[in-house]
PDB file of all heavy atoms in Angstrom:
ATOM      1  N   ARG A   1      -3.313  -7.390  -0.197  1.00  0.00           N
ATOM      2  CA  ARG A   1      -2.610  -6.471   0.698  1.00  0.00           C
ATOM      3  C   ARG A   1      -3.300  -6.325   2.057  1.00  0.00           C
ATOM      4  O   ARG A   1      -3.499  -5.226   2.570  1.00  0.00           O
ATOM      5  CB  ARG A   1      -2.400  -5.107   0.034  1.00  0.00           C
ATOM      6  CG  ARG A   1      -1.519  -5.181  -1.212  1.00  0.00           C
ATOM      7  CD  ARG A   1      -1.167  -3.816  -1.769  1.00  0.00           C
ATOM      8  NE  ARG A   1      -0.404  -3.005  -0.809  1.00  0.00           N
ATOM      9  CZ  ARG A   1       0.890  -3.180  -0.505  1.00  0.00           C
ATOM     10  NH1 ARG A   1       1.582  -4.168  -1.090  1.00  0.00           N
ATOM     11  NH2 ARG A   1       1.494  -2.386   0.346  1.00  0.00           N
ATOM     12  N   CYS A   2      -3.630  -7.460   2.641  1.00  0.00           N
ATOM     13  CA  CYS A   2      -4.255  -7.443   3.970  1.00  0.00           C
ATOM     14  C   CYS A   2      -3.182  -7.485   5.055  1.00  0.00           C
ATOM     15  O   CYS A   2      -2.018  -7.832   4.803  1.00  0.00           O
ATOM     16  CB  CYS A   2      -5.197  -8.628   4.139  1.00  0.00           C
ATOM     17  SG  CYS A   2      -4.356 -10.202   4.393  1.00  0.00           S
ATOM     18  N   VAL A   3      -3.581  -7.132   6.253  1.00  0.00           N
ATOM     19  CA  VAL A   3      -2.786  -7.362   7.464  1.00  0.00           C
ATOM     20  C   VAL A   3      -3.417  -8.551   8.167  1.00  0.00           C
ATOM     21  O   VAL A   3      -4.577  -8.492   8.584  1.00  0.00           O
ATOM     22  CB  VAL A   3      -2.787  -6.122   8.382  1.00  0.00           C
ATOM     23  CG1 VAL A   3      -2.078  -6.436   9.697  1.00  0.00           C
ATOM     24  CG2 VAL A   3      -2.106  -4.944   7.688  1.00  0.00           C
ATOM     25  N   LEU A   4      -2.670  -9.648   8.277  1.00  0.00           N
ATOM     26  CA  LEU A   4      -3.180 -10.878   8.868  1.00  0.00           C
ATOM     27  C   LEU A   4      -2.716 -10.970  10.318  1.00  0.00           C
ATOM     28  O   LEU A   4      -1.513 -10.984  10.592  1.00  0.00           O
ATOM     29  CB  LEU A   4      -2.704 -12.090   8.074  1.00  0.00           C
ATOM     30  CG  LEU A   4      -3.345 -13.428   8.431  1.00  0.00           C
ATOM     31  CD1 LEU A   4      -4.826 -13.446   8.060  1.00  0.00           C
ATOM     32  CD2 LEU A   4      -2.626 -14.577   7.718  1.00  0.00           C
ATOM     33  N   ILE A   5      -3.665 -11.027  11.242  1.00  0.00           N
ATOM     34  CA  ILE A   5      -3.388 -11.046  12.681  1.00  0.00           C
ATOM     35  C   ILE A   5      -3.787 -12.418  13.204  1.00  0.00           C
ATOM     36  O   ILE A   5      -4.962 -12.784  13.144  1.00  0.00           O
ATOM     37  CB  ILE A   5      -4.199  -9.951  13.402  1.00  0.00           C
ATOM     38  CG1 ILE A   5      -3.976  -8.588  12.760  1.00  0.00           C
ATOM     39  CG2 ILE A   5      -3.885  -9.931  14.897  1.00  0.00           C
ATOM     40  CD1 ILE A   5      -5.158  -7.649  12.896  1.00  0.00           C
ATOM     41  N   GLU A   6      -2.823 -13.186  13.709  1.00  0.00           N
ATOM     42  CA  GLU A   6      -3.159 -14.536  14.195  1.00  0.00           C
ATOM     43  C   GLU A   6      -3.230 -14.561  15.708  1.00  0.00           C
ATOM     44  O   GLU A   6      -2.244 -14.285  16.395  1.00  0.00           O
ATOM     45  CB  GLU A   6      -2.146 -15.571  13.700  1.00  0.00           C
ATOM     46  CG  GLU A   6      -2.545 -16.984  14.116  1.00  0.00           C
ATOM     47  CD  GLU A   6      -1.672 -18.086  13.547  1.00  0.00           C
ATOM     48  OE1 GLU A   6      -0.629 -17.779  12.934  1.00  0.00           O
ATOM     49  OE2 GLU A   6      -2.036 -19.264  13.726  1.00  0.00           O
ATOM     50  N   TYR A   7      -4.395 -14.923  16.231  1.00  0.00           N
ATOM     51  CA  TYR A   7      -4.577 -15.083  17.671  1.00  0.00           C
ATOM     52  C   TYR A   7      -4.069 -16.461  18.098  1.00  0.00           C
ATOM     53  O   TYR A   7      -4.416 -17.477  17.505  1.00  0.00           O
ATOM     54  CB  TYR A   7      -6.069 -15.006  18.028  1.00  0.00           C
ATOM     55  CG  TYR A   7      -6.678 -13.632  18.088  1.00  0.00           C
ATOM     56  CD1 TYR A   7      -5.954 -12.475  17.798  1.00  0.00           C
ATOM     57  CD2 TYR A   7      -8.013 -13.472  18.452  1.00  0.00           C
ATOM     58  CE1 TYR A   7      -6.534 -11.222  17.867  1.00  0.00           C
ATOM     59  CE2 TYR A   7      -8.604 -12.218  18.533  1.00  0.00           C
ATOM     60  CZ  TYR A   7      -7.869 -11.092  18.236  1.00  0.00           C
ATOM     61  OH  TYR A   7      -8.461  -9.853  18.312  1.00  0.00           O
ATOM     62  N   GLY A   8      -3.257 -16.478  19.177  1.00  0.00           N
ATOM     63  CA  GLY A   8      -2.759 -17.749  19.692  1.00  0.00           C
ATOM     64  C   GLY A   8      -1.954 -18.493  18.659  1.00  0.00           C
ATOM     65  O   GLY A   8      -2.187 -19.675  18.396  1.00  0.00           O
ATOM     66  N   SER A   9      -0.961 -17.809  18.090  1.00  0.00           N
ATOM     67  CA  SER A   9      -0.244 -18.332  16.911  1.00  0.00           C
ATOM     68  C   SER A   9       0.548 -19.595  17.203  1.00  0.00           C
ATOM     69  O   SER A   9       0.750 -20.423  16.316  1.00  0.00           O
ATOM     70  CB  SER A   9       0.682 -17.257  16.345  1.00  0.00           C
ATOM     71  OG  SER A   9       1.557 -16.762  17.350  1.00  0.00           O
ATOM     72  N   GLY A  10       1.048 -19.769  18.439  1.00  0.00           N
ATOM     73  CA  GLY A  10       1.782 -20.995  18.778  1.00  0.00           C
ATOM     74  C   GLY A  10       2.936 -21.241  17.832  1.00  0.00           C
ATOM     75  O   GLY A  10       3.783 -20.374  17.600  1.00  0.00           O
ATOM     76  N   SER A  11       2.977 -22.433  17.241  1.00  0.00           N
ATOM     77  CA  SER A  11       4.056 -22.775  16.314  1.00  0.00           C
ATOM     78  C   SER A  11       3.783 -22.298  14.902  1.00  0.00           C
ATOM     79  O   SER A  11       4.571 -22.559  13.996  1.00  0.00           O
ATOM     80  CB  SER A  11       4.280 -24.293  16.304  1.00  0.00           C
ATOM     81  OG  SER A  11       3.087 -24.957  15.919  1.00  0.00           O
ATOM     82  N   SER A  12       2.659 -21.609  14.671  1.00  0.00           N
ATOM     83  CA  SER A  12       2.313 -21.040  13.354  1.00  0.00           C
ATOM     84  C   SER A  12       2.344 -22.107  12.252  1.00  0.00           C
ATOM     85  O   SER A  12       2.793 -21.838  11.138  1.00  0.00           O
ATOM     86  CB  SER A  12       3.262 -19.887  13.003  1.00  0.00           C
ATOM     87  OG  SER A  12       3.151 -18.839  13.925  1.00  0.00           O
ATOM     88  N   ARG A  13       1.837 -23.282  12.548  1.00  0.00           N
ATOM     89  CA  ARG A  13       1.935 -24.384  11.576  1.00  0.00           C
ATOM     90  C   ARG A  13       0.879 -24.298  10.479  1.00  0.00           C
ATOM     91  O   ARG A  13       1.039 -24.899   9.420  1.00  0.00           O
ATOM     92  CB  ARG A  13       1.869 -25.737  12.295  1.00  0.00           C
ATOM     93  CG  ARG A  13       0.557 -26.035  12.964  1.00  0.00           C
ATOM     94  CD  ARG A  13       0.620 -27.271  13.835  1.00  0.00           C
ATOM     95  NE  ARG A  13       0.959 -28.475  13.094  1.00  0.00           N
ATOM     96  CZ  ARG A  13       0.992 -29.696  13.647  1.00  0.00           C
ATOM     97  NH1 ARG A  13       0.763 -29.839  14.940  1.00  0.00           N
ATOM     98  NH2 ARG A  13       1.280 -30.750  12.925  1.00  0.00           N
ATOM     99  N   LYS A  14      -0.220 -23.551  10.716  1.00  0.00           N
ATOM    100  CA  LYS A  14      -1.295 -23.479   9.719  1.00  0.00           C
ATOM    101  C   LYS A  14      -1.201 -22.233   8.847  1.00  0.00           C
ATOM    102  O   LYS A  14      -1.618 -22.258   7.689  1.00  0.00           O
ATOM    103  CB  LYS A  14      -2.656 -23.518  10.412  1.00  0.00           C
ATOM    104  CG  LYS A  14      -2.916 -24.821  11.149  1.00  0.00           C
ATOM    105  CD  LYS A  14      -4.144 -24.726  12.040  1.00  0.00           C
ATOM    106  CE  LYS A  14      -4.294 -25.983  12.887  1.00  0.00           C
ATOM    107  NZ  LYS A  14      -5.333 -25.836  13.911  1.00  0.00           N
ATOM    108  N   VAL A  15      -0.672 -21.157   9.395  1.00  0.00           N
ATOM    109  CA  VAL A  15      -0.714 -19.888   8.668  1.00  0.00           C
ATOM    110  C   VAL A  15       0.069 -19.909   7.351  1.00  0.00           C
ATOM    111  O   VAL A  15      -0.313 -19.190   6.410  1.00  0.00           O
ATOM    112  CB  VAL A  15      -0.252 -18.726   9.585  1.00  0.00           C
ATOM    113  CG1 VAL A  15       1.261 -18.697   9.741  1.00  0.00           C
ATOM    114  CG2 VAL A  15      -0.781 -17.400   9.075  1.00  0.00           C
ATOM    115  N   PRO A  16       1.147 -20.707   7.182  1.00  0.00           N
ATOM    116  CA  PRO A  16       1.814 -20.719   5.870  1.00  0.00           C
ATOM    117  C   PRO A  16       0.877 -21.119   4.729  1.00  0.00           C
ATOM    118  O   PRO A  16       1.029 -20.623   3.601  1.00  0.00           O
ATOM    119  CB  PRO A  16       2.942 -21.739   6.052  1.00  0.00           C
ATOM    120  CG  PRO A  16       3.252 -21.687   7.505  1.00  0.00           C
ATOM    121  CD  PRO A  16       1.922 -21.488   8.168  1.00  0.00           C
ATOM    122  N   LEU A  17      -0.089 -21.994   5.005  1.00  0.00           N
ATOM    123  CA  LEU A  17      -1.052 -22.384   3.967  1.00  0.00           C
ATOM    124  C   LEU A  17      -1.846 -21.179   3.482  1.00  0.00           C
ATOM    125  O   LEU A  17      -2.176 -21.064   2.294  1.00  0.00           O
ATOM    126  CB  LEU A  17      -2.012 -23.447   4.509  1.00  0.00           C
ATOM    127  CG  LEU A  17      -1.385 -24.766   4.952  1.00  0.00           C
ATOM    128  CD1 LEU A  17      -2.406 -25.610   5.715  1.00  0.00           C
ATOM    129  CD2 LEU A  17      -0.864 -25.538   3.740  1.00  0.00           C
ATOM    130  N   LEU A  18      -2.138 -20.281   4.396  1.00  0.00           N
ATOM    131  CA  LEU A  18      -2.905 -19.086   4.054  1.00  0.00           C
ATOM    132  C   LEU A  18      -2.013 -18.025   3.418  1.00  0.00           C
ATOM    133  O   LEU A  18      -2.384 -17.401   2.416  1.00  0.00           O
ATOM    134  CB  LEU A  18      -3.559 -18.549   5.329  1.00  0.00           C
ATOM    135  CG  LEU A  18      -4.641 -17.499   5.195  1.00  0.00           C
ATOM    136  CD1 LEU A  18      -5.732 -17.941   4.219  1.00  0.00           C
ATOM    137  CD2 LEU A  18      -5.234 -17.196   6.567  1.00  0.00           C
ATOM    138  N   LEU A  19      -0.830 -17.829   3.986  1.00  0.00           N
ATOM    139  CA  LEU A  19       0.075 -16.804   3.454  1.00  0.00           C
ATOM    140  C   LEU A  19       0.467 -17.087   2.006  1.00  0.00           C
ATOM    141  O   LEU A  19       0.595 -16.159   1.194  1.00  0.00           O
ATOM    142  CB  LEU A  19       1.331 -16.708   4.327  1.00  0.00           C
ATOM    143  CG  LEU A  19       1.141 -16.069   5.706  1.00  0.00           C
ATOM    144  CD1 LEU A  19       2.426 -16.192   6.526  1.00  0.00           C
ATOM    145  CD2 LEU A  19       0.737 -14.605   5.576  1.00  0.00           C
ATOM    146  N   ARG A  20       0.650 -18.370   1.676  1.00  0.00           N
ATOM    147  CA  ARG A  20       1.018 -18.706   0.298  1.00  0.00           C
ATOM    148  C   ARG A  20      -0.101 -18.396  -0.692  1.00  0.00           C
ATOM    149  O   ARG A  20       0.157 -18.129  -1.869  1.00  0.00           O
ATOM    150  CB  ARG A  20       1.406 -20.189   0.203  1.00  0.00           C
ATOM    151  CG  ARG A  20       2.772 -20.501   0.789  1.00  0.00           C
ATOM    152  CD  ARG A  20       3.268 -21.866   0.346  1.00  0.00           C
ATOM    153  NE  ARG A  20       2.480 -22.952   0.900  1.00  0.00           N
ATOM    154  CZ  ARG A  20       2.763 -23.562   2.053  1.00  0.00           C
ATOM    155  NH1 ARG A  20       3.804 -23.172   2.782  1.00  0.00           N
ATOM    156  NH2 ARG A  20       2.010 -24.553   2.499  1.00  0.00           N
ATOM    157  N   ALA A  21      -1.349 -18.432  -0.208  1.00  0.00           N
ATOM    158  CA  ALA A  21      -2.492 -18.203  -1.097  1.00  0.00           C
ATOM    159  C   ALA A  21      -2.855 -16.723  -1.214  1.00  0.00           C
ATOM    160  O   ALA A  21      -3.403 -16.295  -2.233  1.00  0.00           O
ATOM    161  CB  ALA A  21      -3.704 -18.986  -0.607  1.00  0.00           C
ATOM    162  N   LEU A  22      -2.565 -15.936  -0.167  1.00  0.00           N
ATOM    163  CA  LEU A  22      -2.954 -14.531  -0.173  1.00  0.00           C
ATOM    164  C   LEU A  22      -2.175 -13.740  -1.220  1.00  0.00           C
ATOM    165  O   LEU A  22      -1.004 -14.021  -1.487  1.00  0.00           O
ATOM    166  CB  LEU A  22      -2.719 -13.918   1.213  1.00  0.00           C
ATOM    167  CG  LEU A  22      -3.652 -14.388   2.331  1.00  0.00           C
ATOM    168  CD1 LEU A  22      -3.176 -13.852   3.677  1.00  0.00           C
ATOM    169  CD2 LEU A  22      -5.091 -13.937   2.064  1.00  0.00           C
ATOM    170  N   ARG A  23      -2.816 -12.724  -1.767  1.00  0.00           N
ATOM    171  CA  ARG A  23      -2.163 -11.883  -2.778  1.00  0.00           C
ATOM    172  C   ARG A  23      -1.520 -10.678  -2.094  1.00  0.00           C
ATOM    173  O   ARG A  23      -2.189  -9.841  -1.511  1.00  0.00           O
ATOM    174  CB  ARG A  23      -3.190 -11.426  -3.820  1.00  0.00           C
ATOM    175  CG  ARG A  23      -2.578 -10.640  -4.978  1.00  0.00           C
ATOM    176  CD  ARG A  23      -3.460 -10.723  -6.217  1.00  0.00           C
ATOM    177  NE  ARG A  23      -4.794 -10.192  -5.985  1.00  0.00           N
ATOM    178  CZ  ARG A  23      -5.130  -8.916  -6.214  1.00  0.00           C
ATOM    179  NH1 ARG A  23      -4.236  -8.069  -6.681  1.00  0.00           N
ATOM    180  NH2 ARG A  23      -6.365  -8.513  -6.001  1.00  0.00           N
ATOM    181  N   GLU A  24      -0.191 -10.666  -2.132  1.00  0.00           N
ATOM    182  CA  GLU A  24       0.621  -9.558  -1.620  1.00  0.00           C
ATOM    183  C   GLU A  24       0.208  -9.114  -0.212  1.00  0.00           C
ATOM    184  O   GLU A  24      -0.112  -7.937   0.016  1.00  0.00           O
ATOM    185  CB  GLU A  24       0.555  -8.359  -2.571  1.00  0.00           C
ATOM    186  CG  GLU A  24       1.084  -8.645  -3.951  1.00  0.00           C
ATOM    187  CD  GLU A  24       0.962  -7.448  -4.885  1.00  0.00           C
ATOM    188  OE1 GLU A  24       0.392  -6.412  -4.457  1.00  0.00           O
ATOM    189  OE2 GLU A  24       1.439  -7.533  -6.019  1.00  0.00           O
ATOM    190  N   PRO A  25       0.194 -10.039   0.737  1.00  0.00           N
ATOM    191  CA  PRO A  25      -0.150  -9.613   2.106  1.00  0.00           C
ATOM    192  C   PRO A  25       0.837  -8.554   2.596  1.00  0.00           C
ATOM    193  O   PRO A  25       2.042  -8.644   2.353  1.00  0.00           O
ATOM    194  CB  PRO A  25      -0.046 -10.907   2.915  1.00  0.00           C
ATOM    195  CG  PRO A  25       0.858 -11.798   2.124  1.00  0.00           C
ATOM    196  CD  PRO A  25       0.597 -11.460   0.686  1.00  0.00           C
ATOM    197  N   LEU A  26       0.314  -7.555   3.271  1.00  0.00           N
ATOM    198  CA  LEU A  26       1.136  -6.440   3.716  1.00  0.00           C
ATOM    199  C   LEU A  26       1.937  -6.784   4.968  1.00  0.00           C
ATOM    200  O   LEU A  26       3.100  -6.408   5.107  1.00  0.00           O
ATOM    201  CB  LEU A  26       0.236  -5.222   3.983  1.00  0.00           C
ATOM    202  CG  LEU A  26       0.911  -3.907   4.321  1.00  0.00           C
ATOM    203  CD1 LEU A  26       1.741  -3.417   3.142  1.00  0.00           C
ATOM    204  CD2 LEU A  26      -0.133  -2.860   4.704  1.00  0.00           C
ATOM    205  N   ALA A  27       1.297  -7.486   5.912  1.00  0.00           N
ATOM    206  CA  ALA A  27       1.970  -7.788   7.176  1.00  0.00           C
ATOM    207  C   ALA A  27       1.318  -8.999   7.834  1.00  0.00           C
ATOM    208  O   ALA A  27       0.143  -9.296   7.601  1.00  0.00           O
ATOM    209  CB  ALA A  27       1.903  -6.587   8.118  1.00  0.00           C
ATOM    210  N   TYR A  28       2.108  -9.666   8.664  1.00  0.00           N
ATOM    211  CA  TYR A  28       1.622 -10.772   9.488  1.00  0.00           C
ATOM    212  C   TYR A  28       1.923 -10.423  10.932  1.00  0.00           C
ATOM    213  O   TYR A  28       3.067 -10.079  11.285  1.00  0.00           O
ATOM    214  CB  TYR A  28       2.314 -12.074   9.085  1.00  0.00           C
ATOM    215  CG  TYR A  28       2.063 -13.237  10.025  1.00  0.00           C
ATOM    216  CD1 TYR A  28       0.777 -13.669  10.317  1.00  0.00           C
ATOM    217  CD2 TYR A  28       3.131 -13.908  10.618  1.00  0.00           C
ATOM    218  CE1 TYR A  28       0.555 -14.736  11.182  1.00  0.00           C
ATOM    219  CE2 TYR A  28       2.925 -14.989  11.470  1.00  0.00           C
ATOM    220  CZ  TYR A  28       1.625 -15.396  11.747  1.00  0.00           C
ATOM    221  OH  TYR A  28       1.411 -16.450  12.607  1.00  0.00           O
ATOM    222  N   VAL A  29       0.892 -10.499  11.792  1.00  0.00           N
ATOM    223  CA  VAL A  29       1.026 -10.132  13.198  1.00  0.00           C
ATOM    224  C   VAL A  29       0.636 -11.336  14.061  1.00  0.00           C
ATOM    225  O   VAL A  29      -0.545 -11.517  14.393  1.00  0.00           O
ATOM    226  CB  VAL A  29       0.146  -8.914  13.549  1.00  0.00           C
ATOM    227  CG1 VAL A  29       0.387  -8.489  15.005  1.00  0.00           C
ATOM    228  CG2 VAL A  29       0.408  -7.754  12.596  1.00  0.00           C
ATOM    229  N   PRO A  30       1.590 -12.204  14.405  1.00  0.00           N
ATOM    230  CA  PRO A  30       1.264 -13.313  15.312  1.00  0.00           C
ATOM    231  C   PRO A  30       1.184 -12.819  16.751  1.00  0.00           C
ATOM    232  O   PRO A  30       2.025 -12.034  17.201  1.00  0.00           O
ATOM    233  CB  PRO A  30       2.444 -14.270  15.124  1.00  0.00           C
ATOM    234  CG  PRO A  30       3.588 -13.378  14.722  1.00  0.00           C
ATOM    235  CD  PRO A  30       2.991 -12.223  13.967  1.00  0.00           C
ATOM    236  N   VAL A  31       0.165 -13.272  17.471  1.00  0.00           N
ATOM    237  CA  VAL A  31      -0.039 -12.869  18.867  1.00  0.00           C
ATOM    238  C   VAL A  31      -0.085 -14.136  19.715  1.00  0.00           C
ATOM    239  O   VAL A  31      -0.923 -15.015  19.476  1.00  0.00           O
ATOM    240  CB  VAL A  31      -1.352 -12.077  19.039  1.00  0.00           C
ATOM    241  CG1 VAL A  31      -1.481 -11.577  20.476  1.00  0.00           C
ATOM    242  CG2 VAL A  31      -1.427 -10.920  18.050  1.00  0.00           C
ATOM    243  N   ASP A  32       0.802 -14.227  20.702  1.00  0.00           N
ATOM    244  CA  ASP A  32       0.823 -15.424  21.547  1.00  0.00           C
ATOM    245  C   ASP A  32       1.333 -15.055  22.925  1.00  0.00           C
ATOM    246  O   ASP A  32       2.129 -14.117  23.084  1.00  0.00           O
ATOM    247  CB  ASP A  32       1.700 -16.514  20.928  1.00  0.00           C
ATOM    248  CG  ASP A  32       1.365 -17.894  21.472  1.00  0.00           C
ATOM    249  OD1 ASP A  32       0.463 -18.561  20.910  1.00  0.00           O
ATOM    250  OD2 ASP A  32       1.983 -18.311  22.471  1.00  0.00           O
ATOM    251  N   ILE A  33       0.913 -15.821  23.928  1.00  0.00           N
ATOM    252  CA  ILE A  33       1.280 -15.532  25.313  1.00  0.00           C
ATOM    253  C   ILE A  33       2.626 -16.139  25.695  1.00  0.00           C
ATOM    254  O   ILE A  33       3.238 -15.742  26.687  1.00  0.00           O
ATOM    255  CB  ILE A  33       0.163 -16.037  26.249  1.00  0.00           C
ATOM    256  CG1 ILE A  33       0.200 -15.308  27.591  1.00  0.00           C
ATOM    257  CG2 ILE A  33       0.208 -17.551  26.425  1.00  0.00           C
ATOM    258  CD1 ILE A  33      -1.032 -15.527  28.437  1.00  0.00           C
ATOM    259  N   CYS A  34       3.124 -17.099  24.892  1.00  0.00           N
ATOM    260  CA  CYS A  34       4.400 -17.776  25.190  1.00  0.00           C
ATOM    261  C   CYS A  34       5.510 -17.121  24.380  1.00  0.00           C
ATOM    262  O   CYS A  34       5.605 -17.314  23.169  1.00  0.00           O
ATOM    263  CB  CYS A  34       4.313 -19.269  24.870  1.00  0.00           C
ATOM    264  SG  CYS A  34       5.852 -20.150  25.213  1.00  0.00           S
ATOM    265  N   ARG A  35       6.355 -16.341  25.048  1.00  0.00           N
ATOM    266  CA  ARG A  35       7.387 -15.555  24.371  1.00  0.00           C
ATOM    267  C   ARG A  35       8.345 -16.440  23.569  1.00  0.00           C
ATOM    268  O   ARG A  35       8.667 -16.138  22.415  1.00  0.00           O
ATOM    269  CB  ARG A  35       8.174 -14.743  25.396  1.00  0.00           C
ATOM    270  CG  ARG A  35       9.228 -13.832  24.781  1.00  0.00           C
ATOM    271  CD  ARG A  35      10.135 -13.216  25.827  1.00  0.00           C
ATOM    272  NE  ARG A  35       9.446 -12.255  26.669  1.00  0.00           N
ATOM    273  CZ  ARG A  35       9.213 -12.419  27.976  1.00  0.00           C
ATOM    274  NH1 ARG A  35       9.593 -13.543  28.574  1.00  0.00           N
ATOM    275  NH2 ARG A  35       8.597 -11.491  28.667  1.00  0.00           N
ATOM    276  N   GLU A  36       8.824 -17.531  24.171  1.00  0.00           N
ATOM    277  CA  GLU A  36       9.838 -18.357  23.518  1.00  0.00           C
ATOM    278  C   GLU A  36       9.304 -18.962  22.217  1.00  0.00           C
ATOM    279  O   GLU A  36       9.983 -18.954  21.180  1.00  0.00           O
ATOM    280  CB  GLU A  36      10.312 -19.473  24.456  1.00  0.00           C
ATOM    281  CG  GLU A  36      11.050 -18.976  25.691  1.00  0.00           C
ATOM    282  CD  GLU A  36      10.116 -18.489  26.798  1.00  0.00           C
ATOM    283  OE1 GLU A  36       8.874 -18.595  26.636  1.00  0.00           O
ATOM    284  OE2 GLU A  36      10.637 -18.003  27.821  1.00  0.00           O
ATOM    285  N   TYR A  37       8.093 -19.503  22.287  1.00  0.00           N
ATOM    286  CA  TYR A  37       7.500 -20.111  21.096  1.00  0.00           C
ATOM    287  C   TYR A  37       7.221 -19.066  20.031  1.00  0.00           C
ATOM    288  O   TYR A  37       7.432 -19.288  18.843  1.00  0.00           O
ATOM    289  CB  TYR A  37       6.197 -20.819  21.495  1.00  0.00           C
ATOM    290  CG  TYR A  37       6.154 -22.272  21.110  1.00  0.00           C
ATOM    291  CD1 TYR A  37       7.209 -23.117  21.418  1.00  0.00           C
ATOM    292  CD2 TYR A  37       5.063 -22.810  20.445  1.00  0.00           C
ATOM    293  CE1 TYR A  37       7.162 -24.456  21.083  1.00  0.00           C
ATOM    294  CE2 TYR A  37       5.005 -24.152  20.103  1.00  0.00           C
ATOM    295  CZ  TYR A  37       6.068 -24.968  20.423  1.00  0.00           C
ATOM    296  OH  TYR A  37       6.032 -26.283  20.082  1.00  0.00           O
ATOM    297  N   LEU A  38       6.751 -17.912  20.460  1.00  0.00           N
ATOM    298  CA  LEU A  38       6.423 -16.833  19.531  1.00  0.00           C
ATOM    299  C   LEU A  38       7.659 -16.360  18.779  1.00  0.00           C
ATOM    300  O   LEU A  38       7.626 -16.181  17.556  1.00  0.00           O
ATOM    301  CB  LEU A  38       5.797 -15.668  20.299  1.00  0.00           C
ATOM    302  CG  LEU A  38       5.491 -14.407  19.499  1.00  0.00           C
ATOM    303  CD1 LEU A  38       4.407 -14.666  18.460  1.00  0.00           C
ATOM    304  CD2 LEU A  38       5.065 -13.280  20.438  1.00  0.00           C
ATOM    305  N   LEU A  39       8.759 -16.155  19.494  1.00  0.00           N
ATOM    306  CA  LEU A  39       9.983 -15.682  18.847  1.00  0.00           C
ATOM    307  C   LEU A  39      10.484 -16.683  17.815  1.00  0.00           C
ATOM    308  O   LEU A  39      10.866 -16.311  16.701  1.00  0.00           O
ATOM    309  CB  LEU A  39      11.064 -15.423  19.900  1.00  0.00           C
ATOM    310  CG  LEU A  39      10.874 -14.177  20.764  1.00  0.00           C
ATOM    311  CD1 LEU A  39      11.872 -14.169  21.912  1.00  0.00           C
ATOM    312  CD2 LEU A  39      11.020 -12.915  19.927  1.00  0.00           C
ATOM    313  N   ALA A  40      10.460 -17.968  18.167  1.00  0.00           N
ATOM    314  CA  ALA A  40      10.958 -18.992  17.244  1.00  0.00           C
ATOM    315  C   ALA A  40      10.073 -19.100  16.007  1.00  0.00           C
ATOM    316  O   ALA A  40      10.569 -19.129  14.865  1.00  0.00           O
ATOM    317  CB  ALA A  40      11.046 -20.332  17.958  1.00  0.00           C
TER     318      ALA A  40
END
């Protein structure tokens, strides 16, 4: 039940590997400077 905060998330291509392993993560907070990429 952690809150995972990703700095410079970009296309978020690596975080699924971590999210699948974590036990009941509470929230994911991607942080990125490029609005379009972040939204997608």
